[in-house]
Amino acid sequence: MCSHPDLLLDSYSRYLVNALRTDFDMPGTPIRLTMRGQGDKNPFKGRRDKNAGALKKHITKGLPKAKKT
């Protein structure tokens, strides 16, 4: 499953198929990939908005403050 199957490029699908053929030593074997969306099955859906600024205090902690001019 992937988040946005409609945005998946054909070149990336070919890359995945070729990697599977190489890793499992199956040259010439036909492989079909079916990408489907997660829909409402994603348990983390909606968490990003709620907790988007959680690390902000850690990122700005070590930076020098900007001087006002």
Protein backbone atom coordinates (compact mmCIF):
# COMPACT_ATOMS: atom_id res chain seq x y z
CA MET A 1 0.00 0.00 0.00
CA CYS A 2 1.10 3.54 -0.62
CA SER A 3 -0.21 6.96 0.27
CA HIS A 4 -0.83 8.25 -3.26
CA PRO A 5 -0.88 5.47 -5.87
CA ASP A 6 -2.10 7.89 -8.53
CA LEU A 7 1.13 9.94 -8.17
CA LEU A 8 3.46 6.93 -8.49
CA LEU A 9 5.62 7.27 -11.58
CA ASP A 10 5.85 4.42 -14.11
CA SER A 11 9.63 4.63 -13.96
CA TYR A 12 9.55 3.91 -10.21
CA SER A 13 7.29 0.90 -10.78
CA ARG A 14 9.78 -0.42 -13.34
CA TYR A 15 12.60 0.17 -10.86
CA LEU A 16 10.78 -1.87 -8.20
CA VAL A 17 10.03 -4.72 -10.61
CA ASN A 18 13.62 -4.83 -11.86
CA ALA A 19 14.95 -4.76 -8.29
CA LEU A 20 12.71 -7.70 -7.35
CA ARG A 21 13.92 -9.65 -10.39
CA THR A 22 17.55 -8.95 -9.50
CA ASP A 23 17.27 -9.66 -5.77
CA PHE A 24 15.38 -12.92 -6.20
CA ASP A 25 17.37 -14.03 -9.28
CA MET A 26 14.35 -14.27 -11.58
CA PRO A 27 15.39 -12.68 -14.89
CA GLY A 28 12.56 -12.41 -17.41
CA THR A 29 9.86 -13.43 -14.93
CA PRO A 30 6.71 -11.35 -15.38
CA ILE A 31 5.88 -9.42 -12.21
CA ARG A 32 2.76 -7.30 -11.73
CA LEU A 33 2.62 -4.62 -9.07
CA THR A 34 -0.74 -3.34 -7.94
CA MET A 35 -0.58 -0.14 -5.94
CA ARG A 36 -3.56 0.71 -3.79
CA GLY A 37 -4.21 3.61 -1.49
CA GLN A 38 -4.44 3.29 2.26
CA GLY A 39 -7.79 5.01 2.54
CA ASP A 40 -8.76 5.25 6.21
CA LYS A 41 -6.53 2.36 7.30
CA ASN A 42 -3.58 4.62 8.14
CA PRO A 43 -3.34 4.77 11.95
CA PHE A 44 -1.18 7.92 11.80
CA LYS A 45 -3.59 9.90 9.62
CA GLY A 46 -4.19 13.33 11.12
CA ARG A 47 -1.36 13.18 13.67
CA ARG A 48 0.93 15.46 11.71
CA ASP A 49 -1.31 18.51 12.06
CA LYS A 50 -1.75 17.99 15.78
CA ASN A 51 1.95 17.57 16.56
CA ALA A 52 3.62 19.59 13.79
CA GLY A 53 5.59 21.96 16.05
CA ALA A 54 6.77 19.47 18.66
CA LEU A 55 10.44 19.70 17.65
CA LYS A 56 10.51 23.45 17.14
CA LYS A 57 11.89 24.10 20.62
CA HIS A 58 14.77 21.67 19.98
CA ILE A 59 15.65 23.10 16.59
CA THR A 60 15.80 26.75 17.69
CA LYS A 61 17.42 26.00 21.05
CA GLY A 62 21.05 26.05 19.87
CA LEU A 63 20.75 28.79 17.25
CA PRO A 64 21.91 32.33 18.02
CA LYS A 65 19.10 34.87 18.19
CA ALA A 66 18.70 37.28 15.30
CA LYS A 67 19.75 40.86 15.94
CA LYS A 68 17.11 43.55 15.56
CA THR A 69 18.14 46.51 13.44
